[in-house]
Amino acid sequence: MKNQTIHVIITGGTIDSFYDGIKETVVPHEHSIIPNYLKGLRIYDQLTFSEVCMKDSREITEKDL
């Protein structure tokens, strides 16, 4: 995958969430961990990211889409 730009569209989800015991539900982080994770792998030369929203997939609305 060298010399290619990969663009990642981030919407939140399980990997970007944590369990809140007080609320007894999963809560998305404020910002995604995916950019740092993928950059740390050093698999791709060029990565770009768009963070569209940080929501559980069950909470994505028509407006988000």
PDB file of N, CA and C in Angstrom:
ATOM      1  N   MET A   1       0.824  -1.192   0.000  1.00  0.00           N
ATOM      2  CA  MET A   1       0.000   0.000   0.000  1.00  0.00           C
ATOM      3  C   MET A   1       0.874   1.263   0.000  1.00  0.00           C
ATOM      4  N   LYS A   2       2.082   1.172  -0.432  1.00  0.00           N
ATOM      5  CA  LYS A   2       2.969   2.330  -0.441  1.00  0.00           C
ATOM      6  C   LYS A   2       2.549   3.318  -1.527  1.00  0.00           C
ATOM      7  N   ASN A   3       2.791   4.613  -1.255  1.00  0.00           N
ATOM      8  CA  ASN A   3       2.518   5.710  -2.177  1.00  0.00           C
ATOM      9  C   ASN A   3       1.035   5.886  -2.499  1.00  0.00           C
ATOM     10  N   GLN A   4       0.170   5.403  -1.645  1.00  0.00           N
ATOM     11  CA  GLN A   4      -1.259   5.614  -1.802  1.00  0.00           C
ATOM     12  C   GLN A   4      -1.762   6.377  -0.590  1.00  0.00           C
ATOM     13  N   THR A   5      -2.744   7.239  -0.805  1.00  0.00           N
ATOM     14  CA  THR A   5      -3.370   7.936   0.304  1.00  0.00           C
ATOM     15  C   THR A   5      -4.653   7.215   0.662  1.00  0.00           C
ATOM     16  N   ILE A   6      -4.782   6.865   1.921  1.00  0.00           N
ATOM     17  CA  ILE A   6      -5.984   6.227   2.435  1.00  0.00           C
ATOM     18  C   ILE A   6      -6.740   7.275   3.236  1.00  0.00           C
ATOM     19  N   HIS A   7      -8.024   7.461   2.910  1.00  0.00           N
ATOM     20  CA  HIS A   7      -8.857   8.405   3.658  1.00  0.00           C
ATOM     21  C   HIS A   7      -9.841   7.615   4.509  1.00  0.00           C
ATOM     22  N   VAL A   8      -9.837   7.886   5.818  1.00  0.00           N
ATOM     23  CA  VAL A   8     -10.690   7.172   6.761  1.00  0.00           C
ATOM     24  C   VAL A   8     -11.771   8.122   7.253  1.00  0.00           C
ATOM     25  N   ILE A   9     -13.022   7.713   7.120  1.00  0.00           N
ATOM     26  CA  ILE A   9     -14.155   8.490   7.627  1.00  0.00           C
ATOM     27  C   ILE A   9     -14.566   7.877   8.956  1.00  0.00           C
ATOM     28  N   ILE A  10     -14.498   8.680  10.009  1.00  0.00           N
ATOM     29  CA  ILE A  10     -14.723   8.195  11.363  1.00  0.00           C
ATOM     30  C   ILE A  10     -16.107   8.620  11.852  1.00  0.00           C
ATOM     31  N   THR A  11     -16.842   7.649  12.401  1.00  0.00           N
ATOM     32  CA  THR A  11     -18.182   7.935  12.932  1.00  0.00           C
ATOM     33  C   THR A  11     -18.337   7.478  14.380  1.00  0.00           C
ATOM     34  N   GLY A  12     -17.260   7.047  15.009  1.00  0.00           N
ATOM     35  CA  GLY A  12     -17.363   6.556  16.386  1.00  0.00           C
ATOM     36  C   GLY A  12     -17.537   5.059  16.399  1.00  0.00           C
ATOM     37  N   GLY A  13     -18.350   4.570  17.288  1.00  0.00           N
ATOM     38  CA  GLY A  13     -18.615   3.139  17.360  1.00  0.00           C
ATOM     39  C   GLY A  13     -17.885   2.468  18.501  1.00  0.00           C
ATOM     40  N   THR A  14     -17.875   1.161  18.487  1.00  0.00           N
ATOM     41  CA  THR A  14     -17.345   0.365  19.594  1.00  0.00           C
ATOM     42  C   THR A  14     -15.894   0.680  19.914  1.00  0.00           C
ATOM     43  N   ILE A  15     -15.040   0.774  18.908  1.00  0.00           N
ATOM     44  CA  ILE A  15     -13.615   1.001  19.174  1.00  0.00           C
ATOM     45  C   ILE A  15     -13.353   2.373  19.791  1.00  0.00           C
ATOM     46  N   ASP A  16     -14.242   3.308  19.567  1.00  0.00           N
ATOM     47  CA  ASP A  16     -14.091   4.667  20.095  1.00  0.00           C
ATOM     48  C   ASP A  16     -15.009   4.928  21.278  1.00  0.00           C
ATOM     49  N   SER A  17     -15.352   3.897  22.032  1.00  0.00           N
ATOM     50  CA  SER A  17     -16.269   4.036  23.160  1.00  0.00           C
ATOM     51  C   SER A  17     -15.714   3.383  24.415  1.00  0.00           C
ATOM     52  N   PHE A  18     -16.313   3.740  25.537  1.00  0.00           N
ATOM     53  CA  PHE A  18     -15.986   3.109  26.820  1.00  0.00           C
ATOM     54  C   PHE A  18     -17.278   2.882  27.590  1.00  0.00           C
ATOM     55  N   TYR A  19     -17.246   1.929  28.503  1.00  0.00           N
ATOM     56  CA  TYR A  19     -18.431   1.643  29.299  1.00  0.00           C
ATOM     57  C   TYR A  19     -18.451   2.568  30.504  1.00  0.00           C
ATOM     58  N   ASP A  20     -19.560   3.292  30.668  1.00  0.00           N
ATOM     59  CA  ASP A  20     -19.764   4.176  31.807  1.00  0.00           C
ATOM     60  C   ASP A  20     -20.672   3.456  32.794  1.00  0.00           C
ATOM     61  N   GLY A  21     -20.110   3.021  33.911  1.00  0.00           N
ATOM     62  CA  GLY A  21     -20.857   2.271  34.910  1.00  0.00           C
ATOM     63  C   GLY A  21     -21.963   3.075  35.571  1.00  0.00           C
ATOM     64  N   ILE A  22     -21.780   4.384  35.681  1.00  0.00           N
ATOM     65  CA  ILE A  22     -22.815   5.228  36.288  1.00  0.00           C
ATOM     66  C   ILE A  22     -24.027   5.317  35.366  1.00  0.00           C
ATOM     67  N   LYS A  23     -23.782   5.530  34.090  1.00  0.00           N
ATOM     68  CA  LYS A  23     -24.873   5.612  33.116  1.00  0.00           C
ATOM     69  C   LYS A  23     -25.344   4.231  32.669  1.00  0.00           C
ATOM     70  N   GLU A  24     -24.525   3.204  32.982  1.00  0.00           N
ATOM     71  CA  GLU A  24     -24.791   1.825  32.579  1.00  0.00           C
ATOM     72  C   GLU A  24     -25.001   1.685  31.074  1.00  0.00           C
ATOM     73  N   THR A  25     -24.118   2.337  30.339  1.00  0.00           N
ATOM     74  CA  THR A  25     -24.167   2.259  28.880  1.00  0.00           C
ATOM     75  C   THR A  25     -22.798   2.586  28.304  1.00  0.00           C
ATOM     76  N   VAL A  26     -22.657   2.356  27.031  1.00  0.00           N
ATOM     77  CA  VAL A  26     -21.425   2.680  26.329  1.00  0.00           C
ATOM     78  C   VAL A  26     -21.484   4.147  25.892  1.00  0.00           C
ATOM     79  N   VAL A  27     -20.372   4.853  26.088  1.00  0.00           N
ATOM     80  CA  VAL A  27     -20.296   6.274  25.752  1.00  0.00           C
ATOM     81  C   VAL A  27     -19.103   6.486  24.817  1.00  0.00           C
ATOM     82  N   PRO A  28     -19.314   7.164  23.687  1.00  0.00           N
ATOM     83  CA  PRO A  28     -18.183   7.419  22.782  1.00  0.00           C
ATOM     84  C   PRO A  28     -17.201   8.429  23.383  1.00  0.00           C
ATOM     85  N   HIS A  29     -15.918   8.259  23.068  1.00  0.00           N
ATOM     86  CA  HIS A  29     -14.915   9.256  23.448  1.00  0.00           C
ATOM     87  C   HIS A  29     -15.200  10.550  22.693  1.00  0.00           C
ATOM     88  N   GLU A  30     -14.619  11.643  23.163  1.00  0.00           N
ATOM     89  CA  GLU A  30     -14.816  12.927  22.491  1.00  0.00           C
ATOM     90  C   GLU A  30     -14.201  12.922  21.092  1.00  0.00           C
ATOM     91  N   HIS A  31     -13.031  12.277  20.953  1.00  0.00           N
ATOM     92  CA  HIS A  31     -12.367  12.170  19.662  1.00  0.00           C
ATOM     93  C   HIS A  31     -11.890  10.735  19.455  1.00  0.00           C
ATOM     94  N   SER A  32     -11.718  10.374  18.212  1.00  0.00           N
ATOM     95  CA  SER A  32     -11.366   9.008  17.839  1.00  0.00           C
ATOM     96  C   SER A  32      -9.926   8.645  18.199  1.00  0.00           C
ATOM     97  N   ILE A  33      -9.737   7.374  18.529  1.00  0.00           N
ATOM     98  CA  ILE A  33      -8.388   6.842  18.756  1.00  0.00           C
ATOM     99  C   ILE A  33      -7.795   6.259  17.485  1.00  0.00           C
ATOM    100  N   ILE A  34      -8.594   6.140  16.451  1.00  0.00           N
ATOM    101  CA  ILE A  34      -8.179   5.471  15.223  1.00  0.00           C
ATOM    102  C   ILE A  34      -6.999   6.163  14.529  1.00  0.00           C
ATOM    103  N   PRO A  35      -6.970   7.497  14.408  1.00  0.00           N
ATOM    104  CA  PRO A  35      -5.810   8.112  13.732  1.00  0.00           C
ATOM    105  C   PRO A  35      -4.475   7.734  14.380  1.00  0.00           C
ATOM    106  N   ASN A  36      -4.375   7.842  15.692  1.00  0.00           N
ATOM    107  CA  ASN A  36      -3.111   7.498  16.369  1.00  0.00           C
ATOM    108  C   ASN A  36      -2.797   6.016  16.232  1.00  0.00           C
ATOM    109  N   TYR A  37      -3.816   5.187  16.308  1.00  0.00           N
ATOM    110  CA  TYR A  37      -3.613   3.739  16.180  1.00  0.00           C
ATOM    111  C   TYR A  37      -3.067   3.385  14.800  1.00  0.00           C
ATOM    112  N   LEU A  38      -3.713   3.868  13.749  1.00  0.00           N
ATOM    113  CA  LEU A  38      -3.279   3.529  12.392  1.00  0.00           C
ATOM    114  C   LEU A  38      -1.919   4.126  12.054  1.00  0.00           C
ATOM    115  N   LYS A  39      -1.664   5.353  12.512  1.00  0.00           N
ATOM    116  CA  LYS A  39      -0.349   5.956  12.271  1.00  0.00           C
ATOM    117  C   LYS A  39       0.745   5.168  12.977  1.00  0.00           C
ATOM    118  N   GLY A  40       0.436   4.649  14.153  1.00  0.00           N
ATOM    119  CA  GLY A  40       1.407   3.862  14.914  1.00  0.00           C
ATOM    120  C   GLY A  40       1.771   2.546  14.250  1.00  0.00           C
ATOM    121  N   LEU A  41       0.884   2.010  13.446  1.00  0.00           N
ATOM    122  CA  LEU A  41       1.166   0.755  12.746  1.00  0.00           C
ATOM    123  C   LEU A  41       2.194   0.928  11.635  1.00  0.00           C
ATOM    124  N   ARG A  42       2.273   2.139  11.098  1.00  0.00           N
ATOM    125  CA  ARG A  42       3.227   2.470  10.027  1.00  0.00           C
ATOM    126  C   ARG A  42       3.092   1.547   8.820  1.00  0.00           C
ATOM    127  N   ILE A  43       1.868   1.236   8.474  1.00  0.00           N
ATOM    128  CA  ILE A  43       1.596   0.390   7.314  1.00  0.00           C
ATOM    129  C   ILE A  43       1.431   1.244   6.056  1.00  0.00           C
ATOM    130  N   TYR A  44       0.848   2.406   6.227  1.00  0.00           N
ATOM    131  CA  TYR A  44       0.519   3.268   5.089  1.00  0.00           C
ATOM    132  C   TYR A  44       1.377   4.519   5.111  1.00  0.00           C
ATOM    133  N   ASP A  45       1.787   4.972   3.922  1.00  0.00           N
ATOM    134  CA  ASP A  45       2.587   6.195   3.832  1.00  0.00           C
ATOM    135  C   ASP A  45       1.755   7.425   4.153  1.00  0.00           C
ATOM    136  N   GLN A  46       0.564   7.482   3.589  1.00  0.00           N
ATOM    137  CA  GLN A  46      -0.262   8.678   3.754  1.00  0.00           C
ATOM    138  C   GLN A  46      -1.664   8.305   4.197  1.00  0.00           C
ATOM    139  N   LEU A  47      -2.065   8.886   5.317  1.00  0.00           N
ATOM    140  CA  LEU A  47      -3.407   8.693   5.840  1.00  0.00           C
ATOM    141  C   LEU A  47      -4.037  10.054   6.077  1.00  0.00           C
ATOM    142  N   THR A  48      -5.305  10.178   5.731  1.00  0.00           N
ATOM    143  CA  THR A  48      -6.069  11.364   6.073  1.00  0.00           C
ATOM    144  C   THR A  48      -7.341  10.893   6.773  1.00  0.00           C
ATOM    145  N   PHE A  49      -7.908  11.771   7.603  1.00  0.00           N
ATOM    146  CA  PHE A  49      -9.063  11.396   8.410  1.00  0.00           C
ATOM    147  C   PHE A  49     -10.112  12.497   8.400  1.00  0.00           C
ATOM    148  N   SER A  50     -11.373  12.083   8.426  1.00  0.00           N
ATOM    149  CA  SER A  50     -12.499  12.990   8.637  1.00  0.00           C
ATOM    150  C   SER A  50     -13.317  12.411   9.780  1.00  0.00           C
ATOM    151  N   GLU A  51     -13.438  13.162  10.857  1.00  0.00           N
ATOM    152  CA  GLU A  51     -14.251  12.732  11.989  1.00  0.00           C
ATOM    153  C   GLU A  51     -15.630  13.364  11.818  1.00  0.00           C
ATOM    154  N   VAL A  52     -16.565  12.561  11.340  1.00  0.00           N
ATOM    155  CA  VAL A  52     -17.909  13.052  11.019  1.00  0.00           C
ATOM    156  C   VAL A  52     -18.738  13.226  12.283  1.00  0.00           C
ATOM    157  N   CYS A  53     -18.730  12.220  13.129  1.00  0.00           N
ATOM    158  CA  CYS A  53     -19.437  12.271  14.403  1.00  0.00           C
ATOM    159  C   CYS A  53     -18.830  11.217  15.307  1.00  0.00           C
ATOM    160  N   MET A  54     -19.127  11.277  16.567  1.00  0.00           N
ATOM    161  CA  MET A  54     -18.654  10.278  17.526  1.00  0.00           C
ATOM    162  C   MET A  54     -19.884   9.708  18.214  1.00  0.00           C
ATOM    163  N   LYS A  55     -20.522   8.755  17.537  1.00  0.00           N
ATOM    164  CA  LYS A  55     -21.766   8.186  18.037  1.00  0.00           C
ATOM    165  C   LYS A  55     -21.752   6.672  17.929  1.00  0.00           C
ATOM    166  N   ASP A  56     -22.508   6.046  18.798  1.00  0.00           N
ATOM    167  CA  ASP A  56     -22.805   4.634  18.664  1.00  0.00           C
ATOM    168  C   ASP A  56     -23.654   4.480  17.413  1.00  0.00           C
ATOM    169  N   SER A  57     -23.479   3.399  16.694  1.00  0.00           N
ATOM    170  CA  SER A  57     -24.210   3.225  15.427  1.00  0.00           C
ATOM    171  C   SER A  57     -25.723   3.250  15.617  1.00  0.00           C
ATOM    172  N   ARG A  58     -26.194   2.894  16.800  1.00  0.00           N
ATOM    173  CA  ARG A  58     -27.637   2.921  17.075  1.00  0.00           C
ATOM    174  C   ARG A  58     -28.170   4.333  17.210  1.00  0.00           C
ATOM    175  N   GLU A  59     -27.267   5.309  17.355  1.00  0.00           N
ATOM    176  CA  GLU A  59     -27.681   6.697  17.559  1.00  0.00           C
ATOM    177  C   GLU A  59     -27.436   7.580  16.338  1.00  0.00           C
ATOM    178  N   ILE A  60     -26.922   7.025  15.253  1.00  0.00           N
ATOM    179  CA  ILE A  60     -26.696   7.797  14.041  1.00  0.00           C
ATOM    180  C   ILE A  60     -28.050   8.130  13.396  1.00  0.00           C
ATOM    181  N   THR A  61     -28.234   9.403  13.086  1.00  0.00           N
ATOM    182  CA  THR A  61     -29.504   9.864  12.530  1.00  0.00           C
ATOM    183  C   THR A  61     -29.400  10.076  11.022  1.00  0.00           C
ATOM    184  N   GLU A  62     -30.512  10.369  10.390  1.00  0.00           N
ATOM    185  CA  GLU A  62     -30.526  10.693   8.969  1.00  0.00           C
ATOM    186  C   GLU A  62     -29.646  11.903   8.697  1.00  0.00           C
ATOM    187  N   LYS A  63     -29.665  12.872   9.581  1.00  0.00           N
ATOM    188  CA  LYS A  63     -28.839  14.072   9.420  1.00  0.00           C
ATOM    189  C   LYS A  63     -27.357  13.701   9.414  1.00  0.00           C
ATOM    190  N   ASP A  64     -26.955  12.791  10.300  1.00  0.00           N
ATOM    191  CA  ASP A  64     -25.559  12.344  10.340  1.00  0.00           C
ATOM    192  C   ASP A  64     -25.174  11.685   9.013  1.00  0.00           C
ATOM    193  N   LEU A  65     -26.090  10.887   8.477  1.00  0.00           N
ATOM    194  CA  LEU A  65     -25.802  10.199   7.221  1.00  0.00           C
ATOM    195  C   LEU A  65     -25.618  11.197   6.097  1.00  0.00           C
TER     196      LEU A  65
END
